[in-house]
Amino acid sequence: MNDDLVAAALLGTARRTPTFDTLEPVPRGVVEQLSTNDAAASLLEAAALERAYERGGVTSTTATPPSVCDDDPRYQLPAAAVARFRDLAAANSRIIDEWLVEALGRNYRAPDELVALVLRYAKASTNNQTYRDRLVQLASVRGQWLARQNPEWSDFTSYQLSDLQVWNYGTLRERAKWLADVRRQDPDAALEQLAKIWPQEPGPARFQLIGSLLPQLNTNDTDFLEQALDDGRQEVRTVAAAMLAKLPDSPLSQRMSERIRDWIYFDENNALSARVPEELDDAAIRDGIGDRSVSAANDPMTWFGRVVRATPLAVWEQLLGPPATAVTSAIDERWKLRITVGWADAAKAQHNAEWAEALLRRAGVKDTDLITVLPADAVADWVLADPRPLLDSSTIVLDALPHPWPREFAIRALELLMQMDPVATRPDDKAFRRQLHTHALAHLPIDLLGAVRGAADRAVDGGTARRMNQIAFHLIQRKTMLEELQ
């Protein structure tokens, strides 16, 4: 807006008579021809004319039309399945994950008119990355084409190694996305590109970009990560050390193995104990065991725990025997907690199911995150043998179970739902009942529909009957939706 007009409007035409000398020639000429003697009216008309001139005075330009979208050779979803997807997605139904897995497994794609809706649902699903990825896969070729036309959907664009313009000149977020995408396609090529630009990148960028290596972490990354241990930024060094500890054959893991062999011994009672140095050398600092700039990190107990966490579990098997035997070994009470917690962290980092199961079965180990390391079928067998973890950490356990639930476990779950006190007042009882019931809606085997209906008929209270009928309704929905994808 013209400054002179704004000043006259703020002060008032009684104090400042508006002048139109600074207007563009076209609106000034029109204003000068107006016959009104009302200064306020002239001011308003001048402002309206100027705004119209600014908005309408843009000359036309030319634009290059986007390239034609490639064909998608997959089968198009049947009409009934499209309608089902719309209903499930709008209701944010738990069973939509099963629908997506089945549709993608049968090589279906979204029809053209559905692609934009699929991407909108993916954009809204910020808290479920797996769900987002499946939706983008459903949209696939046409979804990728459409995402390139709309900046709001740029997150769904899958970059290729040839898209070097993005890698060289994009924003940090775009470059991290490029690196993650290329890393999935060709891990070594992505690492090569990262290594080329690494010395010139600022600290925050190095920290964000190095994290893209984690999903496809492999032994070819060790040389790069070893160099990153000398990085000037603490966060980068910490991430590099954590990644190297996930690779049992990495140089860092071997150095940790040597340290643990030097530090531990068996005392006069044949119990495992440790003798940790009072000071760390430069090599230990470099490996992330301690940090001279942080006083809280300069504690021998802390150092020992970090070394245990980063030591390959095979070393402990050589010293103590197989996992089931090792976790029952006698341990000096001063070091017991550090060792067991370190073992649990190592089992998760190295994704060692045998150690995870041994630690979970061992009395006193409460790290239920170890459940995520076990194969899904093993979780079901373990819970059937000992139901206490299901009661203590129901969400973690239920999320780790296979889909659909094994029949024996599913029947046991129905029994638990039928046995629960309908007027239970303990918050944890109510929470467990809700979680078990919610998971049953999505994961109970469909062929148990008859058993569920029978349970509803036998229910002695209205609440239990309603829960069973709701499960039966979802089983019918799931059966129908799978038939629609045939």
Protein backbone atom coordinates (compact mmCIF):
# COMPACT_ATOMS: atom_id res chain seq x y z
CA MET A 1 0.00 0.00 0.00
CA ASN A 2 1.19 3.51 -0.87
CA ASP A 3 2.90 5.19 2.14
CA ASP A 4 1.23 8.58 1.59
CA LEU A 5 -2.23 7.01 1.60
CA VAL A 6 -1.44 5.06 4.75
CA ALA A 7 -0.18 8.19 6.53
CA ALA A 8 -3.33 10.17 5.60
CA ALA A 9 -5.53 7.30 6.80
CA LEU A 10 -3.72 7.05 10.14
CA LEU A 11 -3.71 10.80 10.88
CA GLY A 12 -7.14 11.49 9.39
CA THR A 13 -7.98 13.63 6.38
CA ALA A 14 -8.80 16.60 8.65
CA ARG A 15 -5.14 16.73 9.75
CA ARG A 16 -3.49 15.57 6.55
CA THR A 17 -4.93 16.09 3.10
CA PRO A 18 -4.20 13.06 0.96
CA THR A 19 -2.05 13.59 -2.13
CA PHE A 20 -1.91 11.19 -5.04
CA ASP A 21 1.35 12.26 -6.67
CA THR A 22 3.15 9.05 -5.65
CA LEU A 23 0.54 6.70 -7.12
CA GLU A 24 1.21 4.78 -10.29
CA PRO A 25 0.20 6.77 -13.40
CA VAL A 26 -2.89 4.72 -14.26
CA PRO A 27 -4.66 4.85 -10.85
CA ARG A 28 -3.50 8.50 -10.37
CA GLY A 29 -5.15 9.52 -13.60
CA VAL A 30 -8.43 7.89 -12.60
CA VAL A 31 -8.39 9.49 -9.13
CA GLU A 32 -7.75 12.95 -10.57
CA GLN A 33 -10.86 12.62 -12.73
CA LEU A 34 -13.12 11.91 -9.76
CA SER A 35 -15.58 14.75 -9.10
CA THR A 36 -15.95 14.26 -5.33
CA ASN A 37 -14.87 16.99 -2.92
CA ASP A 38 -14.88 14.58 0.01
CA ALA A 39 -11.23 13.98 0.98
CA ALA A 40 -12.06 10.78 2.91
CA ALA A 41 -14.00 9.35 -0.03
CA SER A 42 -11.16 10.22 -2.41
CA LEU A 43 -8.70 8.49 -0.08
CA LEU A 44 -10.75 5.29 0.01
CA GLU A 45 -11.28 5.31 -3.75
CA ALA A 46 -7.57 5.87 -4.34
CA ALA A 47 -6.66 2.96 -2.03
CA ALA A 48 -9.18 0.69 -3.78
CA LEU A 49 -7.88 1.66 -7.22
CA GLU A 50 -4.27 1.12 -6.20
CA ARG A 51 -5.01 -2.31 -4.76
CA ALA A 52 -6.96 -3.32 -7.86
CA TYR A 53 -4.13 -2.09 -10.06
CA GLU A 54 -1.54 -4.03 -8.05
CA ARG A 55 -3.55 -7.24 -8.15
CA GLY A 56 -4.68 -6.96 -11.74
CA GLY A 57 -1.61 -5.43 -13.26
CA VAL A 58 0.47 -8.62 -13.39
CA THR A 59 1.47 -9.61 -16.88
CA SER A 60 1.03 -13.21 -17.93
CA THR A 61 3.97 -15.60 -18.01
CA THR A 62 4.64 -18.97 -19.55
CA ALA A 63 5.10 -22.20 -17.66
CA THR A 64 6.48 -25.56 -18.63
CA PRO A 65 3.90 -28.32 -18.12
CA PRO A 66 5.08 -31.21 -15.96
CA SER A 67 6.18 -34.41 -17.61
CA VAL A 68 3.56 -37.08 -18.10
CA CYS A 69 3.29 -39.56 -15.26
CA ASP A 70 4.62 -43.03 -15.93
CA ASP A 71 2.20 -45.94 -16.02
CA ASP A 72 1.69 -48.07 -12.91
CA PRO A 73 1.49 -51.73 -13.99
CA ARG A 74 -0.17 -52.91 -10.79
CA TYR A 75 -3.81 -53.93 -10.53
CA GLN A 76 -6.30 -51.19 -9.72
CA LEU A 77 -8.29 -51.66 -6.52
CA PRO A 78 -11.81 -53.03 -7.00
CA ALA A 79 -14.62 -50.53 -6.39
CA ALA A 80 -15.77 -52.29 -3.21
CA ALA A 81 -12.22 -52.19 -1.82
CA VAL A 82 -11.97 -48.46 -2.60
CA ALA A 83 -15.16 -47.78 -0.65
CA ARG A 84 -13.88 -49.93 2.20
CA PHE A 85 -10.60 -48.01 2.32
CA ARG A 86 -12.41 -44.67 2.47
CA ASP A 87 -14.49 -45.87 5.42
CA LEU A 88 -11.56 -47.40 7.31
CA ALA A 89 -9.28 -44.41 6.80
CA ALA A 90 -11.96 -41.89 7.76
CA ALA A 91 -12.62 -43.82 10.98
CA ASN A 92 -8.89 -44.34 11.64
CA SER A 93 -9.76 -48.01 12.13
CA ARG A 94 -7.21 -50.36 13.66
CA ILE A 95 -7.90 -52.93 10.97
CA ILE A 96 -6.71 -50.66 8.16
CA ASP A 97 -3.14 -51.96 8.65
CA GLU A 98 -4.34 -55.47 7.79
CA TRP A 99 -6.19 -54.09 4.76
CA LEU A 100 -3.08 -52.28 3.52
CA VAL A 101 -0.83 -55.32 3.96
CA GLU A 102 -3.29 -57.50 2.08
CA ALA A 103 -3.84 -54.96 -0.72
CA LEU A 104 -0.12 -54.39 -1.25
CA GLY A 105 0.57 -58.11 -1.03
CA ARG A 106 -1.91 -58.65 -3.89
CA ASN A 107 -0.15 -55.99 -5.99
CA TYR A 108 -2.99 -53.48 -5.91
CA ARG A 109 -2.66 -49.72 -6.39
CA ALA A 110 -4.96 -46.83 -5.65
CA PRO A 111 -7.07 -45.69 -8.63
CA ASP A 112 -6.19 -42.25 -9.97
CA GLU A 113 -9.09 -40.48 -8.29
CA LEU A 114 -8.04 -41.86 -4.90
CA VAL A 115 -4.34 -40.94 -4.99
CA ALA A 116 -4.71 -37.41 -3.57
CA LEU A 117 -6.86 -38.71 -0.70
CA VAL A 118 -4.30 -41.42 0.10
CA LEU A 119 -1.54 -38.80 0.28
CA ARG A 120 -3.66 -36.58 2.52
CA TYR A 121 -4.15 -39.48 4.93
CA ALA A 122 -0.41 -40.17 4.82
CA LYS A 123 0.34 -36.51 5.56
CA ALA A 124 -1.93 -36.65 8.63
CA SER A 125 -0.34 -39.86 9.96
CA THR A 126 2.71 -38.32 11.55
CA ASN A 127 2.78 -40.72 14.52
CA ASN A 128 2.81 -43.98 12.53
CA GLN A 129 5.67 -44.21 10.05
CA THR A 130 4.81 -47.76 8.98
CA TYR A 131 1.26 -46.69 8.13
CA ARG A 132 2.58 -43.67 6.18
CA ASP A 133 4.98 -45.85 4.19
CA ARG A 134 2.23 -48.28 3.24
CA LEU A 135 -0.06 -45.48 2.12
CA VAL A 136 2.68 -43.99 -0.04
CA GLN A 137 3.31 -47.44 -1.50
CA LEU A 138 -0.40 -47.74 -2.30
CA ALA A 139 -0.25 -44.40 -4.17
CA SER A 140 3.08 -45.44 -5.75
CA VAL A 141 3.95 -44.11 -9.24
CA ARG A 142 1.07 -41.66 -9.55
CA GLY A 143 1.50 -40.66 -5.92
CA GLN A 144 5.17 -39.88 -6.54
CA TRP A 145 4.27 -37.80 -9.59
CA LEU A 146 1.60 -35.87 -7.68
CA ALA A 147 3.90 -35.33 -4.67
CA ARG A 148 6.43 -33.62 -6.97
CA GLN A 149 3.77 -31.11 -8.00
CA ASN A 150 2.71 -30.21 -4.44
CA PRO A 151 5.33 -28.86 -1.99
CA GLU A 152 3.19 -30.00 0.97
CA TRP A 153 3.74 -33.61 -0.11
CA SER A 154 7.46 -33.32 -0.81
CA ASP A 155 8.15 -35.74 2.07
CA PHE A 156 6.62 -38.51 -0.04
CA THR A 157 8.95 -37.95 -2.99
CA SER A 158 11.39 -40.80 -3.32
CA TYR A 159 14.77 -39.55 -4.51
CA GLN A 160 17.17 -41.49 -6.70
CA LEU A 161 20.96 -41.46 -6.84
CA SER A 162 20.71 -39.42 -10.04
CA ASP A 163 18.89 -36.58 -8.21
CA LEU A 164 22.21 -34.96 -7.30
CA GLN A 165 20.74 -31.46 -7.58
CA VAL A 166 18.79 -32.16 -4.39
CA TRP A 167 21.84 -33.58 -2.64
CA ASN A 168 24.11 -30.71 -3.65
CA TYR A 169 21.74 -27.73 -3.37
CA GLY A 170 18.67 -28.78 -1.39
CA THR A 171 17.74 -27.82 2.14
CA LEU A 172 19.15 -29.89 4.99
CA ARG A 173 15.82 -31.68 5.32
CA GLU A 174 15.73 -32.50 1.60
CA ARG A 175 19.32 -33.70 1.64
CA ALA A 176 18.68 -35.95 4.63
CA LYS A 177 15.67 -37.38 2.78
CA TRP A 178 17.79 -37.91 -0.34
CA LEU A 179 20.45 -39.68 1.69
CA ALA A 180 17.91 -41.94 3.43
CA ASP A 181 16.21 -42.85 0.12
CA VAL A 182 19.45 -43.59 -1.71
CA ARG A 183 20.73 -45.47 1.31
CA ARG A 184 17.80 -47.90 0.95
CA GLN A 185 18.59 -48.42 -2.73
CA ASP A 186 22.39 -48.53 -2.64
CA PRO A 187 23.98 -48.22 0.82
CA ASP A 188 27.53 -47.96 -0.46
CA ALA A 189 26.73 -45.25 -3.02
CA ALA A 190 24.97 -43.17 -0.37
CA LEU A 191 27.92 -43.56 1.99
CA GLU A 192 30.30 -42.48 -0.77
CA GLN A 193 28.33 -39.27 -1.35
CA LEU A 194 28.23 -38.53 2.38
CA ALA A 195 31.98 -39.08 2.74
CA LYS A 196 32.69 -36.62 -0.10
CA ILE A 197 30.97 -33.66 1.53
CA TRP A 198 31.55 -34.59 5.18
CA PRO A 199 34.52 -32.29 5.95
CA GLN A 200 32.71 -29.19 4.61
CA GLU A 201 29.43 -29.75 6.49
CA PRO A 202 28.65 -27.74 9.67
CA GLY A 203 28.17 -29.61 12.95
CA PRO A 204 24.32 -29.65 13.03
CA ALA A 205 24.23 -30.97 9.45
CA ARG A 206 26.76 -33.73 10.22
CA PHE A 207 24.67 -34.78 13.20
CA GLN A 208 21.48 -35.04 11.14
CA LEU A 209 23.05 -36.70 8.13
CA ILE A 210 24.98 -39.38 10.00
CA GLY A 211 21.73 -40.70 11.44
CA SER A 212 20.63 -41.71 7.93
CA LEU A 213 23.18 -44.54 8.01
CA LEU A 214 21.46 -46.41 10.83
CA PRO A 215 18.62 -48.28 9.04
CA GLN A 216 20.99 -50.00 6.58
CA LEU A 217 24.02 -50.11 8.89
CA ASN A 218 26.62 -52.62 7.69
CA THR A 219 30.30 -53.47 8.00
CA ASN A 220 31.20 -51.26 5.02
CA ASP A 221 30.34 -48.26 7.20
CA THR A 222 33.01 -48.95 9.82
CA ASP A 223 35.85 -46.90 8.30
CA PHE A 224 33.64 -43.82 7.97
CA LEU A 225 32.27 -44.19 11.49
CA GLU A 226 35.74 -44.72 12.92
CA GLN A 227 36.76 -41.37 11.43
CA ALA A 228 33.62 -39.79 12.91
CA LEU A 229 34.89 -40.73 16.39
CA ASP A 230 37.32 -37.82 15.96
CA ASP A 231 34.59 -35.35 14.99
CA GLY A 232 34.60 -31.98 16.70
CA ARG A 233 30.93 -32.26 17.70
CA GLN A 234 30.04 -34.39 20.74
CA GLU A 235 26.67 -35.55 19.34
CA VAL A 236 28.32 -36.87 16.18
CA ARG A 237 30.92 -38.79 18.17
CA THR A 238 28.21 -40.31 20.38
CA VAL A 239 26.13 -41.46 17.41
CA ALA A 240 29.18 -42.91 15.65
CA ALA A 241 30.20 -44.88 18.75
CA ALA A 242 26.65 -46.21 19.22
CA MET A 243 26.52 -47.38 15.60
CA LEU A 244 29.89 -49.08 15.78
CA ALA A 245 28.77 -50.90 18.93
CA LYS A 246 25.93 -52.43 16.90
CA LEU A 247 28.50 -54.08 14.64
CA PRO A 248 30.21 -56.87 16.65
CA ASP A 249 33.08 -57.08 14.16
CA SER A 250 33.85 -53.35 14.13
CA PRO A 251 37.21 -52.10 15.43
CA LEU A 252 35.45 -50.28 18.30
CA SER A 253 33.69 -53.49 19.37
CA GLN A 254 37.00 -55.34 19.34
CA ARG A 255 38.60 -52.63 21.47
CA MET A 256 35.72 -52.89 23.92
CA SER A 257 36.21 -56.65 24.03
CA GLU A 258 39.86 -56.18 24.96
CA ARG A 259 38.94 -53.70 27.71
CA ILE A 260 36.31 -55.95 29.25
CA ARG A 261 38.78 -58.84 29.36
CA ASP A 262 41.28 -56.57 31.12
CA TRP A 263 38.76 -55.15 33.58
CA ILE A 264 36.85 -58.22 34.78
CA TYR A 265 38.01 -61.14 36.92
CA PHE A 266 36.57 -63.87 39.13
CA ASP A 267 36.97 -63.29 42.84
CA GLU A 268 37.70 -65.84 45.58
CA ASN A 269 34.03 -66.94 45.51
CA ASN A 270 34.19 -67.44 41.75
CA ALA A 271 31.84 -64.47 41.30
CA LEU A 272 32.27 -62.12 38.37
CA SER A 273 33.79 -58.82 39.47
CA ALA A 274 35.58 -55.85 37.91
CA ARG A 275 38.64 -53.70 38.40
CA VAL A 276 38.12 -50.40 36.54
CA PRO A 277 40.96 -47.86 36.15
CA GLU A 278 40.69 -44.56 37.98
CA GLU A 279 41.50 -42.60 34.83
CA LEU A 280 40.80 -43.17 31.17
CA ASP A 281 43.40 -42.86 28.44
CA ASP A 282 42.83 -40.90 25.25
CA ALA A 283 41.78 -44.03 23.33
CA ALA A 284 38.97 -44.73 25.81
CA ILE A 285 37.79 -41.12 25.61
CA ARG A 286 37.77 -41.37 21.82
CA ASP A 287 35.61 -44.52 22.01
CA GLY A 288 32.99 -42.63 23.99
CA ILE A 289 33.54 -44.35 27.35
CA GLY A 290 34.05 -41.04 29.15
CA ASP A 291 34.09 -37.31 28.54
CA ARG A 292 36.54 -35.06 30.36
CA SER A 293 34.32 -32.05 29.81
CA VAL A 294 31.36 -33.59 31.68
CA SER A 295 31.98 -34.34 35.35
CA ALA A 296 29.00 -36.72 35.60
CA ALA A 297 30.64 -38.94 32.98
CA ASN A 298 33.87 -39.27 34.98
CA ASP A 299 32.69 -42.17 37.10
CA PRO A 300 34.24 -45.67 36.92
CA MET A 301 30.80 -47.28 37.33
CA THR A 302 29.52 -45.33 34.33
CA TRP A 303 32.59 -46.22 32.31
CA PHE A 304 32.17 -49.89 33.08
CA GLY A 305 28.49 -49.86 32.09
CA ARG A 306 29.34 -48.29 28.73
CA VAL A 307 31.99 -50.87 28.01
CA VAL A 308 29.64 -53.74 28.88
CA ARG A 309 26.95 -52.24 26.61
CA ALA A 310 29.38 -51.96 23.68
CA THR A 311 31.04 -55.37 24.10
CA PRO A 312 29.92 -58.11 21.66
CA LEU A 313 27.78 -60.64 23.51
CA ALA A 314 29.86 -63.44 22.04
CA VAL A 315 32.66 -62.37 24.39
CA TRP A 316 30.47 -63.07 27.42
CA GLU A 317 29.53 -66.46 25.99
CA GLN A 318 33.23 -67.32 25.75
CA LEU A 319 33.69 -66.30 29.38
CA LEU A 320 30.45 -67.56 30.95
CA GLY A 321 28.84 -70.02 28.55
CA PRO A 322 25.57 -69.77 26.58
CA PRO A 323 23.13 -66.95 27.44
CA ALA A 324 20.87 -69.07 29.65
CA THR A 325 23.90 -70.04 31.71
CA ALA A 326 25.62 -66.65 31.61
CA VAL A 327 22.65 -64.73 33.05
CA THR A 328 22.56 -67.00 36.09
CA SER A 329 26.28 -66.63 36.85
CA ALA A 330 27.37 -65.35 40.24
CA ILE A 331 28.14 -61.62 40.03
CA ASP A 332 29.64 -59.30 42.61
CA GLU A 333 26.78 -57.17 43.97
CA ARG A 334 28.72 -53.97 43.34
CA TRP A 335 28.73 -54.64 39.61
CA LYS A 336 25.61 -56.75 39.16
CA LEU A 337 23.26 -53.98 38.07
CA ARG A 338 25.75 -52.48 35.62
CA ILE A 339 26.40 -55.86 34.04
CA THR A 340 22.76 -56.94 33.67
CA VAL A 341 21.66 -53.55 32.35
CA GLY A 342 24.64 -53.55 29.97
CA TRP A 343 23.71 -57.02 28.73
CA ALA A 344 20.14 -55.89 28.10
CA ASP A 345 21.31 -52.82 26.17
CA ALA A 346 23.73 -54.96 24.16
CA ALA A 347 20.99 -57.49 23.33
CA LYS A 348 18.81 -54.68 21.95
CA ALA A 349 21.66 -52.98 20.07
CA GLN A 350 22.96 -56.23 18.58
CA HIS A 351 19.41 -57.59 18.13
CA ASN A 352 20.29 -60.86 19.84
CA ALA A 353 17.06 -62.78 20.51
CA GLU A 354 18.75 -65.58 22.47
CA TRP A 355 20.20 -63.14 25.00
CA ALA A 356 16.95 -61.17 25.15
CA GLU A 357 14.95 -64.26 26.03
CA ALA A 358 17.50 -65.41 28.60
CA LEU A 359 17.45 -62.01 30.32
CA LEU A 360 13.66 -61.81 30.31
CA ARG A 361 13.33 -65.24 31.87
CA ARG A 362 15.90 -64.38 34.50
CA ALA A 363 14.35 -63.21 37.79
CA GLY A 364 14.93 -59.54 38.46
CA VAL A 365 15.41 -58.32 34.88
CA LYS A 366 12.56 -55.90 34.11
CA ASP A 367 13.64 -54.38 30.78
CA THR A 368 10.48 -55.21 28.84
CA ASP A 369 11.87 -53.46 25.74
CA LEU A 370 13.77 -56.71 25.25
CA ILE A 371 10.46 -58.18 24.08
CA THR A 372 10.84 -56.24 20.82
CA VAL A 373 13.99 -58.22 20.05
CA LEU A 374 12.22 -61.60 20.19
CA PRO A 375 10.61 -63.13 17.09
CA ALA A 376 6.83 -62.61 17.18
CA ASP A 377 6.04 -66.32 17.49
CA ALA A 378 8.48 -66.62 20.37
CA VAL A 379 6.68 -63.80 22.21
CA ALA A 380 3.40 -65.72 22.02
CA ASP A 381 5.02 -68.95 23.28
CA TRP A 382 6.76 -67.08 26.08
CA VAL A 383 3.59 -65.35 27.27
CA LEU A 384 1.65 -68.61 27.22
CA ALA A 385 4.33 -70.17 29.43
CA ASP A 386 4.43 -67.17 31.79
CA PRO A 387 1.54 -64.64 31.50
CA ARG A 388 3.02 -62.17 34.00
CA PRO A 389 4.73 -59.99 31.35
CA LEU A 390 1.39 -59.58 29.60
CA LEU A 391 -0.09 -58.22 32.79
CA ASP A 392 2.91 -56.05 33.63
CA SER A 393 3.72 -54.60 30.18
CA SER A 394 0.69 -55.31 28.07
CA THR A 395 1.23 -52.65 25.40
CA ILE A 396 4.79 -53.71 24.55
CA VAL A 397 3.90 -57.41 24.59
CA LEU A 398 0.73 -57.06 22.53
CA ASP A 399 2.49 -54.92 19.92
CA ALA A 400 5.20 -57.58 19.56
CA LEU A 401 2.80 -60.47 18.89
CA PRO A 402 2.36 -61.85 15.35
CA HIS A 403 -0.67 -61.09 13.20
CA PRO A 404 -3.02 -62.84 13.37
CA TRP A 405 -2.56 -64.13 16.89
CA PRO A 406 -1.62 -67.82 17.19
CA ARG A 407 -4.79 -69.78 17.88
CA GLU A 408 -3.73 -70.98 21.34
CA PHE A 409 -2.85 -67.47 22.44
CA ALA A 410 -6.06 -66.05 20.96
CA ILE A 411 -8.20 -68.51 22.92
CA ARG A 412 -6.28 -67.63 26.08
CA ALA A 413 -6.92 -63.92 25.42
CA LEU A 414 -10.66 -64.55 25.03
CA GLU A 415 -10.65 -66.42 28.33
CA LEU A 416 -8.97 -63.47 30.04
CA LEU A 417 -11.53 -61.06 28.61
CA MET A 418 -14.37 -63.27 29.79
CA GLN A 419 -12.90 -63.68 33.29
CA MET A 420 -12.33 -60.00 34.00
CA ASP A 421 -14.41 -58.40 36.72
CA PRO A 422 -16.87 -56.06 34.95
CA VAL A 423 -16.80 -53.67 37.89
CA ALA A 424 -13.03 -53.67 38.34
CA THR A 425 -11.90 -50.42 39.87
CA ARG A 426 -8.11 -50.74 39.70
CA PRO A 427 -6.82 -48.44 36.94
CA ASP A 428 -4.24 -50.97 35.75
CA ASP A 429 -6.92 -53.69 35.44
CA LYS A 430 -9.09 -51.39 33.35
CA ALA A 431 -6.13 -50.32 31.18
CA PHE A 432 -5.10 -53.92 30.57
CA ARG A 433 -8.66 -54.91 29.65
CA ARG A 434 -8.93 -52.01 27.18
CA GLN A 435 -5.58 -52.83 25.56
CA LEU A 436 -6.29 -56.54 25.26
CA HIS A 437 -9.75 -55.86 23.84
CA THR A 438 -8.47 -53.24 21.36
CA HIS A 439 -5.73 -55.53 20.06
CA ALA A 440 -8.20 -58.43 19.80
CA LEU A 441 -10.33 -56.37 17.40
CA ALA A 442 -7.47 -56.26 14.89
CA HIS A 443 -5.50 -59.46 15.54
CA LEU A 444 -7.86 -62.26 16.59
CA PRO A 445 -7.96 -65.04 13.94
CA ILE A 446 -11.04 -64.69 11.74
CA ASP A 447 -11.91 -68.36 12.07
CA LEU A 448 -12.67 -67.79 15.78
CA LEU A 449 -15.86 -65.90 14.89
CA GLY A 450 -18.03 -68.77 16.12
CA ALA A 451 -16.15 -68.96 19.42
CA VAL A 452 -16.54 -65.22 19.96
CA ARG A 453 -20.27 -65.35 19.30
CA GLY A 454 -20.58 -68.23 21.72
CA ALA A 455 -18.67 -66.24 24.33
CA ALA A 456 -21.06 -63.31 23.86
CA ASP A 457 -24.03 -65.62 24.45
CA ARG A 458 -22.46 -67.03 27.63
CA ALA A 459 -21.51 -63.61 29.07
CA VAL A 460 -23.04 -63.01 32.48
CA ASP A 461 -22.91 -59.21 32.29
CA GLY A 462 -23.72 -56.61 29.66
CA GLY A 463 -20.22 -55.16 29.46
CA THR A 464 -18.60 -58.49 28.59
CA ALA A 465 -21.34 -59.26 26.07
CA ARG A 466 -20.80 -55.89 24.38
CA ARG A 467 -17.06 -56.46 24.16
CA MET A 468 -17.54 -59.90 22.59
CA ASN A 469 -20.11 -58.59 20.12
CA GLN A 470 -17.78 -55.76 19.13
CA ILE A 471 -15.00 -58.27 18.47
CA ALA A 472 -17.43 -60.38 16.42
CA PHE A 473 -18.41 -57.32 14.38
CA HIS A 474 -14.77 -56.55 13.59
CA LEU A 475 -14.11 -60.18 12.63
CA ILE A 476 -16.99 -59.98 10.14
CA GLN A 477 -15.61 -56.69 8.79
CA ARG A 478 -12.15 -58.16 8.40
CA LYS A 479 -13.50 -61.27 6.67
CA THR A 480 -15.53 -59.12 4.27
CA MET A 481 -12.72 -56.71 3.47
CA LEU A 482 -10.34 -59.57 2.65
CA GLU A 483 -12.94 -61.10 0.34
CA GLU A 484 -13.28 -57.72 -1.44
CA LEU A 485 -9.57 -57.86 -2.28
CA GLN A 486 -9.78 -61.26 -3.96
